[in-house]
Protein backbone atom coordinates (compact mmCIF):
# COMPACT_ATOMS: atom_id res chain seq x y z
CA MET A 1 0.06 0.15 -0.09
CA LYS A 2 3.27 2.66 0.98
CA TYR A 3 4.41 1.83 -2.76
CA LEU A 4 0.94 2.43 -4.33
CA ALA A 5 0.51 5.58 -2.69
CA LEU A 6 3.91 6.86 -3.75
CA LEU A 7 3.43 6.04 -7.14
CA ILE A 8 -0.43 7.75 -7.15
CA ALA A 9 1.79 10.80 -5.94
CA LEU A 10 3.81 10.83 -8.62
CA MET A 11 1.60 10.75 -11.45
CA ILE A 12 -0.44 13.55 -10.22
CA LEU A 13 3.17 15.80 -9.19
CA VAL A 14 4.56 15.02 -12.92
CA PRO A 15 1.98 16.31 -15.14
CA ALA A 16 1.34 18.83 -12.73
CA TYR A 17 4.90 20.20 -13.47
CA GLY A 18 4.72 19.48 -16.92
CA GLN A 19 2.06 22.86 -17.53
CA LYS A 20 4.33 24.56 -15.38
CA LYS A 21 6.99 24.22 -17.38
CA LYS A 22 5.19 24.53 -20.85
CA LYS A 23 4.53 28.01 -18.66
CA ASP A 24 7.96 28.93 -17.76
CA ASP A 25 9.39 28.57 -21.30
CA GLU A 26 6.32 30.15 -22.78
CA ALA A 27 7.52 33.66 -20.80
CA THR A 28 11.12 32.68 -21.54
CA GLY A 29 11.34 31.80 -24.94
CA PRO A 30 12.91 33.23 -27.96
CA VAL A 31 13.38 36.60 -28.46
CA TYR A 32 13.20 37.47 -32.35
CA ASN A 33 15.05 40.44 -33.54
CA GLU A 34 12.11 41.98 -35.08
CA GLY A 35 12.49 45.37 -36.66
CA VAL A 36 12.44 48.35 -39.36
CA ILE A 37 15.15 48.72 -41.82
CA TYR A 38 16.34 51.90 -43.06
CA ALA A 39 19.64 53.79 -44.10
CA LEU A 40 21.15 57.01 -43.80
CA PRO A 41 21.78 58.94 -47.18
CA ARG A 42 25.05 59.41 -48.58
CA THR A 43 25.85 62.46 -51.12
CA GLY A 44 26.46 61.82 -54.87
CA ILE A 45 27.59 64.58 -57.10
CA HIS A 46 26.26 65.12 -60.43
CA ILE A 47 28.80 66.58 -62.70
CA LYS A 48 27.37 68.65 -65.50
CA VAL A 49 30.31 69.45 -68.15
CA GLN A 50 29.49 71.77 -71.60
CA ALA A 51 32.15 70.61 -74.32
CA VAL A 52 32.79 72.72 -77.45
CA LYS A 53 33.40 69.94 -80.56
CA GLU A 54 35.59 72.15 -83.20
CA THR A 55 36.17 70.35 -86.50
CA PHE A 56 38.78 71.39 -89.09
CA GLN A 57 38.38 70.15 -92.72
CA PRO A 58 41.44 71.28 -94.64
CA GLY A 59 40.87 73.14 -98.11
CA PRO A 60 41.64 71.36 -101.22
CA TYR A 61 43.74 73.76 -102.47
CA ALA A 62 46.00 74.27 -99.38
CA ALA A 63 49.02 73.34 -100.89
CA TYR A 64 48.88 76.65 -103.53
CA SER A 65 48.02 78.92 -100.67
CA GLU A 66 51.90 80.54 -100.48
CA GLN A 67 52.51 80.74 -103.59
CA LEU A 68 48.86 82.23 -104.94
CA LEU A 69 47.48 83.73 -102.21
CA GLY A 70 51.10 84.56 -99.65
CA ILE A 71 49.42 82.84 -96.73
CA LYS A 72 52.07 80.43 -95.16
CA ASN A 73 51.44 77.62 -92.60
CA VAL A 74 48.17 76.41 -93.62
CA LYS A 75 47.03 73.17 -91.98
CA THR A 76 46.72 70.46 -94.70
CA LYS A 77 44.97 67.54 -92.05
CA ALA A 78 41.95 66.93 -90.78
CA SER A 79 41.43 67.50 -86.76
CA VAL A 80 38.70 67.27 -84.13
CA ASN A 81 39.54 69.22 -80.89
CA TRP A 82 37.40 69.37 -77.98
CA LEU A 83 37.61 71.99 -75.65
CA ILE A 84 35.43 72.40 -72.08
CA GLU A 85 33.50 75.28 -71.82
CA GLU A 86 31.49 74.99 -68.90
CA VAL A 87 31.36 72.67 -66.21
CA ASN A 88 28.77 72.57 -63.06
CA MET A 89 28.33 70.99 -60.23
CA GLU A 90 25.56 69.81 -57.88
CA THR A 91 24.73 67.16 -54.69
CA PHE A 92 21.88 64.38 -54.58
CA ALA A 93 21.35 62.09 -51.81
CA GLU A 94 20.61 57.99 -52.07
CA PRO A 95 20.86 55.38 -49.54
CA ASP A 96 24.17 54.29 -48.19
CA PRO A 97 25.02 50.86 -47.84
CA ASP A 98 27.55 50.93 -45.36
CA GLN A 99 25.39 52.74 -43.02
CA VAL A 100 22.06 50.48 -43.24
CA HIS A 101 20.58 49.48 -39.66
CA LYS A 102 17.39 48.45 -37.91
CA ALA A 103 15.23 50.06 -35.69
CA LEU A 104 13.90 47.74 -32.59
CA GLY A 105 11.32 47.43 -29.82
CA GLU A 106 8.89 50.05 -29.71
CA VAL A 107 10.77 52.55 -31.75
CA ALA A 108 10.30 50.83 -35.24
CA SER A 109 6.71 51.08 -34.98
CA ASN A 110 7.28 55.01 -35.19
CA VAL A 111 10.06 55.22 -37.36
CA ASN A 112 9.22 57.18 -40.11
CA LEU A 113 10.60 56.99 -44.11
CA ALA A 114 11.32 58.88 -46.99
CA PRO A 115 10.76 57.06 -50.21
CA ASP A 116 14.36 55.67 -51.09
CA GLY A 117 14.20 53.89 -47.68
CA CYS A 118 16.66 56.40 -45.59
CA ILE A 119 15.14 57.65 -42.28
CA ALA A 120 13.03 60.61 -41.93
CA GLY A 121 11.87 60.98 -38.56
CA ILE A 122 10.42 59.37 -35.02
CA HIS A 123 7.42 59.98 -34.02
CA THR A 124 6.77 62.52 -36.55
CA ALA A 125 3.63 62.89 -39.67
CA PRO A 126 4.24 60.56 -42.51
CA VAL A 127 6.37 61.99 -45.31
CA PRO A 128 5.24 62.84 -48.21
CA VAL A 129 5.82 61.10 -51.68
CA ILE A 130 8.35 62.90 -54.37
CA THR A 131 8.15 61.69 -57.57
CA LYS A 132 11.39 62.07 -58.60
CA LYS A 133 12.54 62.40 -62.45
CA LEU A 134 14.78 59.75 -63.75
CA GLN A 135 18.05 62.31 -65.08
CA THR A 136 19.72 60.37 -68.22
CA ASN A 137 23.24 61.32 -69.20
CA GLN A 138 25.19 61.61 -72.21
CA VAL A 139 28.39 60.08 -71.64
CA GLY A 140 30.57 59.91 -75.02
CA GLN A 141 30.07 58.89 -78.62
CA THR A 142 32.89 58.07 -81.27
CA ILE A 143 33.12 61.03 -83.88
CA SER A 144 34.12 59.98 -87.39
CA VAL A 145 35.75 63.27 -89.08
CA ALA A 146 35.46 61.40 -92.65
CA ASP A 147 32.18 62.13 -93.07
CA ALA A 148 32.64 66.22 -92.88
CA ASP A 149 33.27 66.94 -95.96
CA TYR A 150 32.41 70.75 -96.38
CA PHE A 151 33.55 71.14 -100.08
CA GLN A 152 31.51 68.05 -101.40
CA TYR A 153 29.00 70.78 -102.55
CA PHE A 154 31.22 74.02 -103.70
CA THR A 155 32.34 74.20 -107.37
CA ASP A 156 34.06 77.60 -107.64
CA SER A 157 34.33 77.27 -111.78
CA PRO A 158 32.86 74.55 -114.41
CA LEU A 159 35.05 71.36 -114.53
CA TYR A 160 34.65 71.79 -118.50
CA SER A 161 34.44 74.23 -121.26
CA ALA A 162 33.35 74.62 -124.27
CA GLY A 163 35.31 73.12 -127.61
CA ASP A 164 35.46 75.20 -130.58
CA SER A 165 35.91 73.68 -134.36
CA THR A 166 39.17 72.00 -133.35
CA ASN A 167 37.88 69.29 -131.27
CA ASN A 168 34.65 69.24 -132.92
CA TYR A 169 33.07 71.57 -130.34
CA ARG A 170 33.36 68.62 -127.52
CA PRO A 171 33.85 69.97 -123.72
CA VAL A 172 37.15 70.22 -123.02
CA LYS A 173 38.08 69.45 -119.03
CA LEU A 174 40.19 72.12 -117.51
CA PRO A 175 43.41 71.54 -115.82
CA GLU A 176 43.58 71.86 -112.19
CA GLU A 177 45.66 74.62 -112.09
CA GLN A 178 43.74 76.69 -114.04
CA LYS A 179 40.65 75.79 -111.72
CA ILE A 180 42.90 76.84 -108.64
CA SER A 181 44.51 80.03 -110.36
CA LYS A 182 40.68 81.23 -111.03
CA ALA A 183 39.70 80.67 -107.23
CA ALA A 184 42.47 83.08 -106.28
CA GLN A 185 41.60 85.25 -108.96
CA ARG A 186 38.16 85.97 -107.62
CA ILE A 187 39.34 85.98 -104.07
CA LEU A 188 41.53 89.28 -105.11
CA GLU A 189 38.87 90.45 -107.32
CA CYS A 190 36.55 90.02 -104.27
CA ARG A 191 38.88 92.23 -102.02
CA ARG A 192 39.52 94.71 -104.35
CA LEU A 193 35.59 95.53 -104.91
CA GLN A 194 35.17 95.99 -101.47
CA PHE A 195 37.91 98.29 -101.07
CA GLU A 196 37.00 100.20 -103.98
CA MET A 197 33.07 100.70 -102.83
CA ALA A 198 34.83 101.40 -99.25
CA ALA A 199 37.06 104.55 -100.74
CA GLY A 200 34.23 105.58 -103.51
CA LEU A 201 36.26 104.54 -106.42
CA VAL A 202 33.16 102.63 -108.32
CA ASP A 203 31.48 104.01 -110.80
CA GLU A 204 27.84 103.45 -109.40
CA LEU A 205 27.41 103.13 -105.39
CA PRO A 206 24.80 101.24 -104.22
CA PRO A 207 21.19 103.66 -104.23
CA ASP A 208 21.08 103.75 -100.30
CA GLY A 209 22.90 102.37 -97.19
CA GLU A 210 21.04 99.39 -96.61
CA ALA A 211 22.61 97.75 -100.57
CA TYR A 212 25.43 99.11 -99.71
CA LYS A 213 25.61 97.00 -96.62
CA ALA A 214 24.37 94.35 -98.94
CA SER A 215 26.61 94.59 -101.27
CA LEU A 216 29.79 94.45 -99.21
CA LYS A 217 28.06 91.71 -97.18
CA GLU A 218 27.45 89.49 -100.46
CA LEU A 219 31.07 90.32 -101.41
CA LYS A 220 32.58 89.40 -97.70
CA LYS A 221 30.47 86.23 -98.03
CA THR A 222 31.85 84.99 -101.82
CA GLU A 223 35.43 85.61 -100.69
CA GLU A 224 35.49 83.87 -97.99
CA GLU A 225 34.21 80.92 -99.34
CA TYR A 226 36.68 81.22 -101.76
CA LEU A 227 39.49 81.43 -99.62
CA SER A 228 37.98 78.04 -97.77
CA LEU A 229 39.16 76.21 -100.47
CA PHE A 230 42.94 76.98 -99.48
CA VAL A 231 42.89 77.73 -95.54
CA GLY A 232 39.72 75.19 -94.96
CA LYS A 233 36.59 75.04 -92.67
CA TYR A 234 36.43 74.77 -88.86
CA LYS A 235 32.93 74.02 -87.91
CA THR A 236 31.80 73.75 -83.97
CA ALA A 237 29.11 72.25 -82.19
CA LYS A 238 28.37 72.72 -78.63
CA LYS A 239 27.32 68.42 -76.67
CA THR A 240 26.28 68.32 -73.12
CA PHE A 241 27.33 65.57 -70.79
CA GLY A 242 26.67 64.21 -67.47
CA PHE A 243 28.30 61.97 -64.90
CA ASP A 244 27.14 60.68 -61.35
CA TYR A 245 30.19 60.22 -58.76
CA ILE A 246 29.91 58.91 -55.55
CA PRO A 247 32.69 60.41 -53.25
CA LYS A 248 34.79 57.67 -50.86
CA ASN A 249 34.24 58.08 -47.05
CA ASP A 250 38.22 58.81 -47.48
CA GLY A 251 37.32 61.57 -49.65
CA LYS A 252 40.24 59.73 -52.28
CA SER A 253 40.67 61.48 -55.82
CA GLU A 254 39.58 59.42 -58.80
CA ALA A 255 39.14 60.13 -62.54
CA VAL A 256 35.58 60.76 -62.84
CA PHE A 257 35.31 61.43 -66.68
CA ARG A 258 38.39 61.88 -69.86
CA ILE A 259 38.72 63.99 -72.98
CA SER A 260 39.93 62.46 -75.89
CA GLU A 261 41.10 64.31 -78.44
CA GLU A 262 39.07 62.05 -80.92
CA ASN A 263 36.08 61.05 -78.88
CA GLY A 264 35.49 64.17 -76.82
CA ILE A 265 34.41 63.41 -73.20
CA VAL A 266 34.35 59.87 -72.95
CA PRO A 267 33.82 57.92 -69.77
CA ALA A 268 36.06 57.40 -66.98
CA SER A 269 37.11 53.85 -68.05
CA ASP A 270 37.62 54.94 -71.90
CA LEU A 271 41.66 55.19 -71.81
CA SER A 272 41.63 56.88 -74.96
CA GLY A 273 41.82 60.35 -73.35
CA LYS A 274 43.62 62.29 -70.25
CA PRO A 275 41.78 61.88 -67.33
CA VAL A 276 39.65 64.66 -65.29
CA MET A 277 40.45 64.43 -61.79
CA ILE A 278 38.10 65.05 -58.43
CA GLU A 279 39.99 66.10 -55.46
CA PHE A 280 38.02 66.52 -51.81
CA ASP A 281 40.20 69.09 -49.39
CA VAL A 282 38.01 67.54 -46.19
CA GLU A 283 37.55 70.10 -42.91
CA LYS A 284 39.52 67.38 -41.09
CA GLU A 285 39.32 69.48 -37.44
CA LEU A 286 35.38 69.75 -37.99
CA ASN A 287 35.37 66.20 -38.49
CA GLN A 288 37.81 65.07 -35.58
CA LYS A 289 35.79 67.24 -33.22
CA TYR A 290 32.20 65.32 -34.56
CA ALA A 291 33.55 62.57 -33.60
CA GLU A 292 34.82 63.29 -30.11
CA LYS A 293 31.91 64.62 -28.80
CA ALA A 294 29.88 61.57 -30.69
CA LYS A 295 31.03 59.56 -27.84
CA SER A 296 28.97 58.29 -25.16
CA GLU A 297 29.23 56.71 -21.80
CA ASN A 298 25.83 55.30 -21.74
CA PRO A 299 25.96 51.84 -21.82
CA ALA A 300 22.34 51.13 -23.57
CA ALA A 301 23.59 54.24 -26.08
CA GLY A 302 22.45 52.71 -29.73
CA GLU A 303 20.25 49.83 -28.28
CA SER A 304 17.24 50.85 -30.37
CA GLY A 305 19.15 51.03 -33.40
CA VAL A 306 18.47 54.77 -34.37
CA TYR A 307 21.50 56.29 -35.83
CA TYR A 308 21.58 60.12 -37.51
CA ARG A 309 24.34 61.59 -39.28
CA VAL A 310 26.43 64.91 -38.32
CA PRO A 311 27.51 65.44 -42.49
CA GLY A 312 31.18 66.78 -43.23
CA LYS A 313 32.03 69.74 -44.94
CA ALA A 314 34.76 69.95 -48.35
CA THR A 315 35.66 71.44 -51.16
CA ILE A 316 35.48 70.25 -54.34
CA ARG A 317 38.18 70.19 -57.38
CA LEU A 318 38.20 69.23 -61.08
CA ILE A 319 41.52 69.04 -62.49
CA HIS A 320 42.85 67.74 -66.07
CA ASP A 321 46.26 68.91 -67.09
CA MET A 322 47.00 70.02 -63.74
CA ASN A 323 44.53 72.51 -64.51
CA VAL A 324 41.58 73.21 -61.72
CA ILE A 325 38.66 73.38 -64.69
CA SER A 326 35.99 73.68 -61.62
CA THR A 327 35.57 73.95 -58.11
CA GLY A 328 33.24 74.23 -55.14
CA ARG A 329 32.19 73.58 -51.64
CA ALA A 330 29.68 71.57 -50.38
CA THR A 331 28.22 69.27 -47.71
CA ILE A 332 28.71 65.53 -47.92
CA ALA A 333 27.49 62.97 -45.45
CA GLN A 334 29.48 60.38 -45.34
CA PHE A 335 32.68 62.35 -44.81
CA GLY A 336 31.09 63.04 -41.46
CA THR A 337 29.99 61.24 -38.30
CA VAL A 338 27.13 58.80 -37.18
CA ALA A 339 26.45 58.60 -33.92
CA PRO A 340 23.16 57.04 -31.94
CA VAL A 341 20.17 58.99 -31.26
CA PRO A 342 19.78 59.38 -27.20
CA GLU A 343 17.68 56.72 -25.81
CA ASN A 344 15.59 59.34 -23.84
CA LEU A 345 14.76 60.88 -26.85
CA LEU A 346 12.81 57.73 -28.49
CA LEU A 347 10.78 57.17 -25.52
CA GLY A 348 7.55 58.54 -27.30
CA GLY A 349 7.89 62.78 -25.43
CA HIS A 350 9.93 63.93 -28.17
CA ALA A 351 8.99 64.32 -32.16
CA ILE A 352 12.57 64.07 -33.83
CA VAL A 353 13.21 65.07 -37.81
CA PHE A 354 16.30 64.03 -40.00
CA ASP A 355 17.21 65.75 -43.22
CA PRO A 356 16.79 63.30 -46.02
CA GLU A 357 19.51 64.84 -48.01
CA THR A 358 22.35 64.06 -45.20
CA GLY A 359 20.79 61.88 -42.27
CA VAL A 360 21.59 64.92 -39.61
CA ILE A 361 18.81 65.90 -37.10
CA SER A 362 17.46 68.85 -38.15
CA ASN A 363 14.63 69.68 -35.99
CA ILE A 364 13.71 68.14 -32.17
CA LEU A 365 10.22 68.52 -30.58
CA LYS A 366 8.96 68.18 -27.33
CA LYS A 367 5.06 66.96 -27.54
CA GLN A 368 2.82 68.59 -25.40
């Protein structure tokens, strides 16, 4: 009977212990690291380059320029030259892959994010959705000078002269030297007529001032057309290119694009051109003070997983062939310091607004 009573007691206690064990396990079960993922922004630089493409086509009579017109050192080879006329820089913001965090606990339910996933506020109103237009960049193209024949539709004199009875009136092709000589004569004639009109030496002057100007203009145009047969023609065209560049955290100098004599403005990966380098003069003393002040003695600092950024400042320079072609001063987020938001500001008594461009705290409002 004694053993039977002990067995009955054990049968009663074991289920009760199991129930208690189950309740204890439920109370101290696994804690899941749930939260809201967000990023701090980083700064990018959009570089807009306006360049001038200057194409030269030599004249077909270039070899006779000095002999017939006294013009020396005439260019005889086609060429393309690119010149940078204007450079503009502007900053933009995007999520920083090196600064992706997770807000934990109760704070996670009060996080507001910008459309790109960057943190915008804690305990604040929803951020309005602003749709940004995609910005496309022209980053270079191959230019051929073979199709730039500026003289193919210009004929300075007939290719043939009328025949006579000696050859049964068949057209006779004019010698090349005769054509070139006649072109030079027309240039000199235009210059002579312009001089005589200006000096009042012509027998009959134009009837009024406007007709006089029109006559001089037409003579000058004719002179330039024939002169181009000897000295060649220049043609210019403006082109705009754009490049997006993300500065490294250390502000290291890099090539952002290149200038090729033949192909113009090309990406940095195209080794056919000389590089245009971007350099940063970072305010190191300012960043050091930020880093010192960001240190916290609170062991709970960063426990909620909410961080902000104090951006850095830098002078930006674009350099080509040892010459500075553009300079500016800007706020660069990734040159600054990252710090945890104080935990006492996350308890619900404050609304915190973040700048979506840099990640800095732009406003802290105490709730009433």
